[in-house]
Amino acid sequence: MVRSTLRIIFFILISLASAEAATFKELVKSQAKITPNISIFIKNLSTNEVIVSYRANKRMIPASNQKIITTLTSLDLLGEDFKFSTYIFLLDKINKKGIYSGDIYIDSRGDPSLSSSKLKDAVNFFKEKDLKVIQGNIIIDNTYFESPEYNKNWKNSWKGSYWAPYISSIAVDNNLYKSGGTFLLTDNPLYLLGVKFRKILRSNGIIFKGNIVLKEIPLRDKLVPFKIIYEINSPSLSNLVYIVNKESDNLYAEHLFKKLSAQYMRTRGSWINSQKITRKFLTEKVKLNSKDFNLDDGSGLSKYNKITTKSIAKLLEYSTKQDYFEVFFNSLPIAGKDGTLLKRFKNKPLYLNLRAKTGYIKGVSSLSGFFKGKDDETYVFSIIVNNYNYSIRSFIDRLLSKIYYY
């Protein structure tokens, strides 16, 4: 009698689960009539059950979900404690009158986070060395990242927009300068660095009448043993990744991306070489099929980025098994609380219960991340829609909410 009752309960539960699964499919099919170019993959990581797989092997334009790839590759290869360094140095001694007869050098190594306040700290360092006059030029190394500084696959109409920055071997104050009462984006980040550094030198009483010169600093000059040097370090990679994902910062994302090839190929950081480094990580470590994705940039601005939702979910699942997962997870926007999800998922059960990276460029919307179900089971998901004219936010809310109760 007990066995029979248990069998009945078991079959009822199976039937209910099947009914719920059918509901998910109907919801997806209904949405697909409105936005046919949609791809969805949702998996219960606690049970390994695939809940929804709809066109999950179709390569899609991910928009800013590309930042998931960039930040996880950076964390895996560079490490969460990695810091960018910038070196400001003199090749000779300062004489007793405080006069330095040579050039002052800035060796930039890709830091996206340099600020005017850190340049002031550097100038104070040289003032403490009794520097009063610089008779030479400001020499800024412009070779760490390869040209072009503006990705050839980004729209020309985006130039000048804060979200489509020029990527050189350094960025100071997010590449912004003030003109009147307005902040503008520079198309020459290294020269802007020189202008700001010159202004800080002069405002601190150091006489400088030379020029700002952008060129390669010869290796022999970098190795001079008696130089006076000041090192500026960025925040740790964990902090930079937080900015990339939480704020969807394109400037930081592209600097991380180009840094990969500069660091590991010992060549100028470039989009092409960083594509190679990232592709190797995805295929050899994450075990993605190379046919399932295409890489073009680090931020997701390019429409030549392509990846399947199943691949994104697999990458996210890979991250859960790594030591840096907490850093990555904490960088994802929290539903209804912060970042690019501040105004979304304001209602239960997803409010404060979902962490995901958003993505948007014209005709593309994406959302990928994690949430907990009612039984505290972890779900990984990736949803991307291309070539659409209508918002799919309400659909995503309904679908994920239903899966929460599954």
Protein backbone atom coordinates (compact mmCIF):
# COMPACT_ATOMS: atom_id res chain seq x y z
CA MET A 1 0.00 0.00 0.00
CA VAL A 2 2.80 2.41 0.97
CA ARG A 3 4.73 1.54 -2.20
CA SER A 4 1.68 2.16 -4.34
CA THR A 5 1.14 5.53 -2.69
CA LEU A 6 4.78 6.49 -3.23
CA ARG A 7 4.54 5.45 -6.88
CA ILE A 8 1.46 7.63 -7.33
CA ILE A 9 3.19 10.60 -5.70
CA PHE A 10 6.26 10.02 -7.86
CA PHE A 11 4.26 9.96 -11.09
CA ILE A 12 2.30 13.04 -10.02
CA LEU A 13 5.56 14.91 -9.45
CA ILE A 14 6.91 13.75 -12.81
CA SER A 15 3.70 14.86 -14.50
CA LEU A 16 3.84 18.25 -12.83
CA ALA A 17 7.47 18.69 -13.85
CA SER A 18 6.61 17.73 -17.44
CA ALA A 19 3.73 20.18 -17.42
CA GLU A 20 6.01 22.95 -16.18
CA ALA A 21 8.59 22.13 -18.85
CA ALA A 22 5.84 22.27 -21.47
CA THR A 23 4.83 25.69 -20.13
CA PHE A 24 8.41 26.95 -20.58
CA LYS A 25 8.44 25.71 -24.16
CA GLU A 26 5.10 27.33 -24.95
CA LEU A 27 6.27 30.61 -23.46
CA VAL A 28 9.44 30.50 -25.57
CA LYS A 29 7.55 29.54 -28.75
CA SER A 30 5.11 32.38 -28.20
CA GLN A 31 7.96 34.88 -27.81
CA ALA A 32 9.76 33.46 -30.85
CA LYS A 33 6.81 34.49 -33.02
CA ILE A 34 7.53 38.10 -32.04
CA THR A 35 11.34 37.90 -31.93
CA PRO A 36 12.33 34.90 -34.07
CA ASN A 37 16.07 35.51 -33.80
CA ILE A 38 16.25 34.55 -30.14
CA SER A 39 18.53 32.04 -28.42
CA ILE A 40 18.10 30.64 -24.90
CA PHE A 41 20.00 28.20 -22.73
CA ILE A 42 19.12 27.59 -19.07
CA LYS A 43 20.61 24.86 -16.91
CA ASN A 44 20.20 23.76 -13.31
CA LEU A 45 23.79 23.49 -12.08
CA SER A 46 22.73 21.63 -8.96
CA THR A 47 21.13 18.76 -10.92
CA ASN A 48 22.80 19.24 -14.35
CA GLU A 49 19.33 19.33 -15.92
CA VAL A 50 18.95 21.49 -19.01
CA ILE A 51 15.69 23.39 -18.45
CA VAL A 52 15.45 25.34 -21.72
CA SER A 53 17.50 24.99 -24.88
CA TYR A 54 16.10 26.98 -27.78
CA ARG A 55 18.39 27.66 -30.75
CA ALA A 56 21.17 27.39 -28.17
CA ASN A 57 23.74 26.38 -30.81
CA LYS A 58 23.03 29.39 -33.02
CA ARG A 59 25.85 31.96 -33.04
CA MET A 60 24.51 35.32 -31.88
CA ILE A 61 25.87 38.85 -31.49
CA PRO A 62 26.31 39.14 -27.68
CA ALA A 63 26.76 42.93 -27.28
CA SER A 64 28.16 43.58 -23.79
CA ASN A 65 27.89 39.92 -22.81
CA GLN A 66 31.27 39.87 -24.58
CA LYS A 67 32.61 41.37 -21.35
CA ILE A 68 31.95 38.02 -19.63
CA ILE A 69 34.53 36.50 -21.97
CA THR A 70 37.01 39.35 -21.48
CA THR A 71 36.83 39.47 -17.69
CA LEU A 72 36.95 35.71 -17.18
CA THR A 73 39.89 35.35 -19.58
CA SER A 74 41.70 38.14 -17.73
CA LEU A 75 41.04 36.65 -14.31
CA ASP A 76 42.14 33.22 -15.47
CA LEU A 77 45.35 34.33 -17.19
CA LEU A 78 46.41 37.45 -15.27
CA GLY A 79 45.04 36.61 -11.82
CA GLU A 80 42.75 38.62 -9.57
CA ASP A 81 45.66 40.42 -7.86
CA PHE A 82 47.27 41.62 -11.09
CA LYS A 83 47.95 45.36 -11.37
CA PHE A 84 48.83 47.60 -14.29
CA SER A 85 51.98 49.68 -13.84
CA THR A 86 53.04 53.05 -15.24
CA TYR A 87 56.60 54.33 -14.83
CA ILE A 88 57.67 57.98 -14.80
CA PHE A 89 61.43 58.44 -14.75
CA LEU A 90 64.47 60.64 -15.32
CA LEU A 91 67.60 59.31 -17.03
CA ASP A 92 70.05 61.51 -15.15
CA LYS A 93 70.50 63.23 -11.84
CA ILE A 94 68.99 66.56 -10.81
CA ASN A 95 71.74 69.13 -10.15
CA LYS A 96 72.12 71.08 -6.93
CA LYS A 97 70.03 73.95 -8.30
CA GLY A 98 67.10 71.62 -8.97
CA ILE A 99 67.66 71.67 -12.73
CA TYR A 100 67.21 68.51 -14.79
CA SER A 101 68.71 68.91 -18.26
CA GLY A 102 67.14 65.86 -19.90
CA ASP A 103 63.72 64.53 -20.83
CA ILE A 104 61.16 63.14 -18.40
CA TYR A 105 59.73 59.82 -19.55
CA ILE A 106 56.33 58.18 -19.09
CA ASP A 107 56.38 54.46 -19.83
CA SER A 108 52.73 53.47 -20.14
CA ARG A 109 51.71 49.80 -19.89
CA GLY A 110 47.98 49.82 -20.60
CA ASP A 111 46.45 51.14 -17.35
CA PRO A 112 42.83 52.26 -17.95
CA SER A 113 42.46 53.72 -14.46
CA LEU A 114 45.17 56.41 -14.28
CA SER A 115 43.92 59.63 -12.72
CA SER A 116 45.13 63.20 -12.36
CA SER A 117 45.40 62.64 -8.60
CA LYS A 118 47.94 59.87 -9.18
CA LEU A 119 49.90 62.15 -11.51
CA LYS A 120 49.95 64.73 -8.69
CA ASP A 121 51.44 62.10 -6.39
CA ALA A 122 54.15 61.48 -8.98
CA VAL A 123 54.94 65.18 -9.29
CA ASN A 124 55.15 65.48 -5.49
CA PHE A 125 57.66 62.62 -5.52
CA PHE A 126 59.92 64.50 -7.93
CA LYS A 127 59.49 67.73 -5.96
CA GLU A 128 60.80 65.88 -2.91
CA LYS A 129 63.86 65.07 -5.04
CA ASP A 130 64.30 68.88 -5.37
CA LEU A 131 63.21 69.02 -9.01
CA LYS A 132 62.55 72.65 -9.99
CA VAL A 133 63.25 72.86 -13.72
CA ILE A 134 62.90 70.39 -16.60
CA GLN A 135 64.85 71.54 -19.64
CA GLY A 136 63.87 68.64 -21.90
CA ASN A 137 60.60 67.22 -23.18
CA ILE A 138 57.88 64.96 -21.84
CA ILE A 139 58.42 61.69 -23.71
CA ILE A 140 55.45 59.31 -23.66
CA ASP A 141 55.89 55.78 -24.99
CA ASN A 142 53.16 55.20 -27.56
CA THR A 143 54.07 51.65 -28.57
CA TYR A 144 52.69 49.36 -25.87
CA PHE A 145 49.36 48.95 -27.66
CA GLU A 146 49.25 48.65 -31.43
CA SER A 147 47.35 51.02 -33.70
CA PRO A 148 44.62 51.62 -34.70
CA GLU A 149 43.28 53.17 -31.53
CA TYR A 150 39.70 52.94 -32.79
CA ASN A 151 38.46 49.48 -33.76
CA LYS A 152 37.85 49.30 -37.52
CA ASN A 153 34.60 47.40 -36.95
CA TRP A 154 33.05 50.06 -34.73
CA LYS A 155 30.77 52.58 -36.41
CA ASN A 156 32.39 55.86 -37.40
CA SER A 157 29.27 57.65 -36.17
CA TRP A 158 30.14 56.51 -32.64
CA LYS A 159 33.40 58.48 -32.55
CA GLY A 160 33.32 61.05 -29.79
CA SER A 161 30.82 59.05 -27.74
CA TYR A 162 32.01 58.14 -24.25
CA TRP A 163 31.06 54.50 -24.80
CA ALA A 164 33.21 54.13 -27.94
CA PRO A 165 36.63 55.23 -26.64
CA TYR A 166 39.98 55.41 -28.37
CA ILE A 167 42.24 52.70 -26.93
CA SER A 168 45.89 53.68 -26.49
CA SER A 169 48.49 52.36 -24.08
CA ILE A 170 47.07 54.44 -21.24
CA ALA A 171 43.94 56.33 -20.26
CA VAL A 172 43.92 59.24 -17.83
CA ASP A 173 40.66 60.39 -16.23
CA ASN A 174 38.72 58.01 -18.50
CA ASN A 175 40.09 59.91 -21.52
CA LEU A 176 37.95 62.91 -20.60
CA TYR A 177 38.93 66.58 -20.51
CA LYS A 178 36.96 69.65 -19.55
CA SER A 179 36.15 72.34 -22.08
CA GLY A 180 34.14 75.16 -20.56
CA GLY A 181 31.59 73.39 -18.41
CA THR A 182 31.50 70.25 -20.53
CA PHE A 183 33.52 67.04 -20.39
CA LEU A 184 34.66 65.81 -23.80
CA LEU A 185 36.23 62.55 -24.96
CA THR A 186 39.70 62.81 -26.48
CA ASP A 187 40.73 61.09 -29.69
CA ASN A 188 44.38 61.27 -28.58
CA PRO A 189 44.64 59.77 -25.06
CA LEU A 190 48.43 59.85 -24.86
CA TYR A 191 48.69 63.51 -25.80
CA LEU A 192 45.97 64.27 -23.24
CA LEU A 193 48.14 62.53 -20.65
CA GLY A 194 51.03 64.80 -21.60
CA VAL A 195 48.88 67.93 -21.40
CA LYS A 196 47.54 67.03 -17.96
CA PHE A 197 50.99 66.07 -16.66
CA ARG A 198 52.47 69.35 -17.95
CA LYS A 199 49.70 71.32 -16.25
CA ILE A 200 50.32 69.54 -12.93
CA LEU A 201 54.07 70.16 -13.17
CA ARG A 202 53.53 73.87 -13.69
CA SER A 203 50.82 74.21 -11.05
CA ASN A 204 53.27 72.72 -8.55
CA GLY A 205 55.99 75.25 -9.36
CA ILE A 206 58.12 73.08 -11.63
CA ILE A 207 59.28 75.00 -14.70
CA PHE A 208 58.74 73.14 -17.97
CA LYS A 209 59.13 74.75 -21.40
CA GLY A 210 59.62 71.67 -23.55
CA ASN A 211 57.28 69.73 -25.81
CA ILE A 212 55.08 66.67 -25.47
CA VAL A 213 56.55 63.93 -27.65
CA LEU A 214 54.90 60.59 -28.41
CA LYS A 215 57.42 57.95 -29.45
CA GLU A 216 58.97 54.66 -28.45
CA ILE A 217 61.26 54.77 -25.44
CA PRO A 218 64.40 52.78 -26.38
CA LEU A 219 65.02 49.73 -24.22
CA ARG A 220 68.48 51.02 -23.32
CA ASP A 221 66.89 54.07 -21.69
CA LYS A 222 64.50 51.91 -19.68
CA LEU A 223 67.47 49.96 -18.30
CA VAL A 224 69.65 52.89 -17.15
CA PRO A 225 70.56 52.00 -13.53
CA PHE A 226 70.85 55.53 -12.10
CA LYS A 227 67.46 56.86 -13.22
CA ILE A 228 65.04 58.37 -10.75
CA ILE A 229 61.80 56.45 -11.13
CA TYR A 230 58.25 56.60 -9.80
CA GLU A 231 55.84 53.71 -10.24
CA ILE A 232 52.06 54.13 -10.42
CA ASN A 233 49.99 51.00 -9.86
CA SER A 234 46.37 50.48 -10.79
CA PRO A 235 43.83 48.91 -8.44
CA SER A 236 43.89 45.11 -8.53
CA LEU A 237 42.31 43.28 -11.45
CA SER A 238 39.44 42.25 -9.17
CA ASN A 239 38.52 45.94 -8.82
CA LEU A 240 38.86 46.60 -12.54
CA VAL A 241 36.69 43.59 -13.41
CA TYR A 242 34.06 44.96 -11.02
CA ILE A 243 33.97 48.21 -13.02
CA VAL A 244 33.84 46.39 -16.37
CA ASN A 245 30.87 44.20 -15.46
CA LYS A 246 28.97 46.27 -12.92
CA GLU A 247 29.16 49.49 -14.96
CA SER A 248 29.60 47.85 -18.39
CA ASP A 249 32.68 50.01 -18.96
CA ASN A 250 33.93 49.68 -22.55
CA LEU A 251 37.20 51.55 -21.98
CA TYR A 252 38.29 49.23 -19.17
CA ALA A 253 37.14 46.16 -21.11
CA GLU A 254 39.23 47.02 -24.16
CA HIS A 255 42.31 47.79 -22.06
CA LEU A 256 42.00 44.40 -20.36
CA PHE A 257 41.55 42.75 -23.74
CA LYS A 258 44.61 44.32 -25.37
CA LYS A 259 46.69 43.73 -22.24
CA LEU A 260 46.29 39.97 -22.72
CA SER A 261 48.42 39.91 -25.87
CA ALA A 262 50.90 42.51 -24.60
CA GLN A 263 51.45 40.41 -21.49
CA TYR A 264 51.58 36.94 -22.99
CA MET A 265 52.92 37.43 -26.51
CA ARG A 266 55.54 40.01 -25.53
CA THR A 267 54.44 42.14 -28.45
CA ARG A 268 52.33 45.24 -28.84
CA GLY A 269 48.87 44.66 -27.45
CA SER A 270 46.41 44.36 -30.31
CA TRP A 271 42.88 43.23 -31.00
CA ILE A 272 44.08 40.50 -33.38
CA ASN A 273 46.63 38.99 -31.00
CA SER A 274 44.27 39.22 -28.03
CA GLN A 275 41.69 37.35 -30.08
CA LYS A 276 44.24 34.53 -30.38
CA ILE A 277 44.99 34.48 -26.65
CA THR A 278 41.29 34.48 -25.74
CA ARG A 279 40.43 31.84 -28.33
CA LYS A 280 43.10 29.56 -26.87
CA PHE A 281 41.67 30.00 -23.38
CA LEU A 282 38.13 29.24 -24.54
CA THR A 283 39.03 26.16 -26.56
CA GLU A 284 41.76 24.63 -24.39
CA LYS A 285 40.58 25.45 -20.88
CA VAL A 286 36.84 25.94 -21.17
CA LYS A 287 36.61 23.32 -23.95
CA LEU A 288 34.40 25.38 -26.24
CA ASN A 289 34.15 24.44 -29.90
CA SER A 290 35.97 27.08 -31.94
CA LYS A 291 33.12 27.01 -34.47
CA ASP A 292 30.71 28.23 -31.79
CA PHE A 293 32.19 31.70 -31.41
CA ASN A 294 34.03 34.52 -33.12
CA LEU A 295 35.98 37.24 -31.32
CA ASP A 296 36.57 40.80 -32.47
CA ASP A 297 36.87 43.10 -29.45
CA GLY A 298 36.74 43.03 -25.66
CA SER A 299 33.70 45.17 -24.96
CA GLY A 300 31.04 43.86 -27.33
CA LEU A 301 30.66 46.97 -29.49
CA SER A 302 31.54 45.07 -32.66
CA LYS A 303 28.84 43.13 -34.47
CA TYR A 304 31.52 40.68 -35.57
CA ASN A 305 31.53 39.14 -32.10
CA LYS A 306 29.47 35.94 -32.24
CA ILE A 307 28.83 33.19 -29.69
CA THR A 308 26.14 30.65 -28.80
CA THR A 309 24.14 30.95 -25.59
CA LYS A 310 25.14 27.38 -24.77
CA SER A 311 28.81 28.44 -24.94
CA ILE A 312 28.25 31.43 -22.66
CA ALA A 313 26.50 29.19 -20.14
CA LYS A 314 29.36 26.68 -20.35
CA LEU A 315 31.88 29.46 -19.73
CA LEU A 316 29.87 30.69 -16.74
CA GLU A 317 29.69 27.13 -15.40
CA TYR A 318 33.47 26.83 -15.84
CA SER A 319 33.93 29.96 -13.74
CA THR A 320 32.05 28.43 -10.79
CA LYS A 321 34.87 25.91 -10.37
CA GLN A 322 37.68 28.47 -10.29
CA ASP A 323 39.32 30.17 -7.33
CA TYR A 324 38.42 33.60 -8.71
CA PHE A 325 34.71 32.85 -9.03
CA GLU A 326 33.72 34.98 -6.04
CA VAL A 327 35.49 37.98 -7.59
CA PHE A 328 33.69 37.45 -10.90
CA PHE A 329 30.31 36.72 -9.30
CA ASN A 330 30.50 39.85 -7.15
CA SER A 331 31.23 41.92 -10.26
CA LEU A 332 27.90 41.01 -11.86
CA PRO A 333 25.01 43.48 -11.41
CA ILE A 334 22.44 42.45 -8.79
CA ALA A 335 18.79 42.36 -9.85
CA GLY A 336 16.98 45.51 -8.74
CA LYS A 337 19.93 46.79 -6.70
CA ASP A 338 22.90 48.09 -8.68
CA GLY A 339 24.79 48.45 -11.93
CA THR A 340 22.94 47.92 -15.18
CA LEU A 341 20.24 45.90 -13.37
CA LEU A 342 19.35 48.70 -10.95
CA LYS A 343 15.95 49.30 -12.56
CA ARG A 344 15.16 45.71 -13.54
CA PHE A 345 13.68 42.75 -11.66
CA LYS A 346 12.21 44.92 -8.92
CA ASN A 347 9.79 42.19 -7.84
CA LYS A 348 10.20 38.80 -6.21
CA PRO A 349 11.35 36.11 -6.80
CA LEU A 350 14.25 37.53 -8.85
CA TYR A 351 14.78 40.75 -6.91
CA LEU A 352 18.23 40.53 -5.25
CA ASN A 353 18.28 36.87 -6.33
CA LEU A 354 19.76 37.20 -9.81
CA ARG A 355 23.20 38.32 -10.91
CA ALA A 356 23.81 38.83 -14.59
CA LYS A 357 25.61 40.78 -17.27
CA THR A 358 23.41 42.85 -19.52
CA GLY A 359 24.13 43.68 -23.14
CA TYR A 360 22.70 46.15 -25.60
CA ILE A 361 23.58 47.66 -28.95
CA LYS A 362 21.07 48.56 -31.65
CA GLY A 363 19.10 45.44 -32.56
CA VAL A 364 20.81 43.31 -29.88
CA SER A 365 19.79 42.54 -26.31
CA SER A 366 21.43 39.98 -24.04
CA LEU A 367 21.40 38.80 -20.44
CA SER A 368 23.54 36.03 -18.96
CA GLY A 369 24.28 34.98 -15.41
CA PHE A 370 22.98 33.09 -12.41
CA PHE A 371 19.96 32.91 -10.11
CA LYS A 372 18.70 30.69 -7.31
CA GLY A 373 15.53 28.59 -7.53
CA LYS A 374 12.98 28.14 -4.75
CA ASP A 375 14.86 25.09 -3.45
CA ASP A 376 18.13 27.05 -3.38
CA GLU A 377 19.36 25.35 -6.54
CA THR A 378 21.67 27.38 -8.79
CA TYR A 379 20.69 28.08 -12.39
CA VAL A 380 22.97 29.39 -15.12
CA PHE A 381 21.36 31.07 -18.10
CA SER A 382 22.07 32.98 -21.28
CA ILE A 383 19.45 34.76 -23.38
CA ILE A 384 20.31 36.69 -26.54
CA VAL A 385 18.04 38.25 -29.12
CA ASN A 386 19.23 39.80 -32.40
CA ASN A 387 17.41 41.89 -35.00
CA TYR A 388 14.49 42.83 -32.80
CA ASN A 389 12.25 45.87 -32.54
CA TYR A 390 10.43 45.12 -29.29
CA SER A 391 11.60 44.86 -25.70
CA ILE A 392 11.94 41.33 -24.37
CA ARG A 393 12.42 42.31 -20.74
CA SER A 394 8.93 41.26 -19.68
CA PHE A 395 9.40 37.90 -21.41
CA ILE A 396 12.71 37.30 -19.61
CA ASP A 397 11.13 38.26 -16.29
CA ARG A 398 8.25 35.82 -16.79
CA LEU A 399 10.42 32.96 -18.04
CA LEU A 400 13.00 33.13 -15.26
CA SER A 401 10.32 33.65 -12.61
CA LYS A 402 8.54 30.49 -13.76
CA ILE A 403 11.80 28.55 -13.67
CA TYR A 404 12.39 29.79 -10.12
CA TYR A 405 9.29 27.84 -9.05
CA TYR A 406 10.16 24.79 -11.16
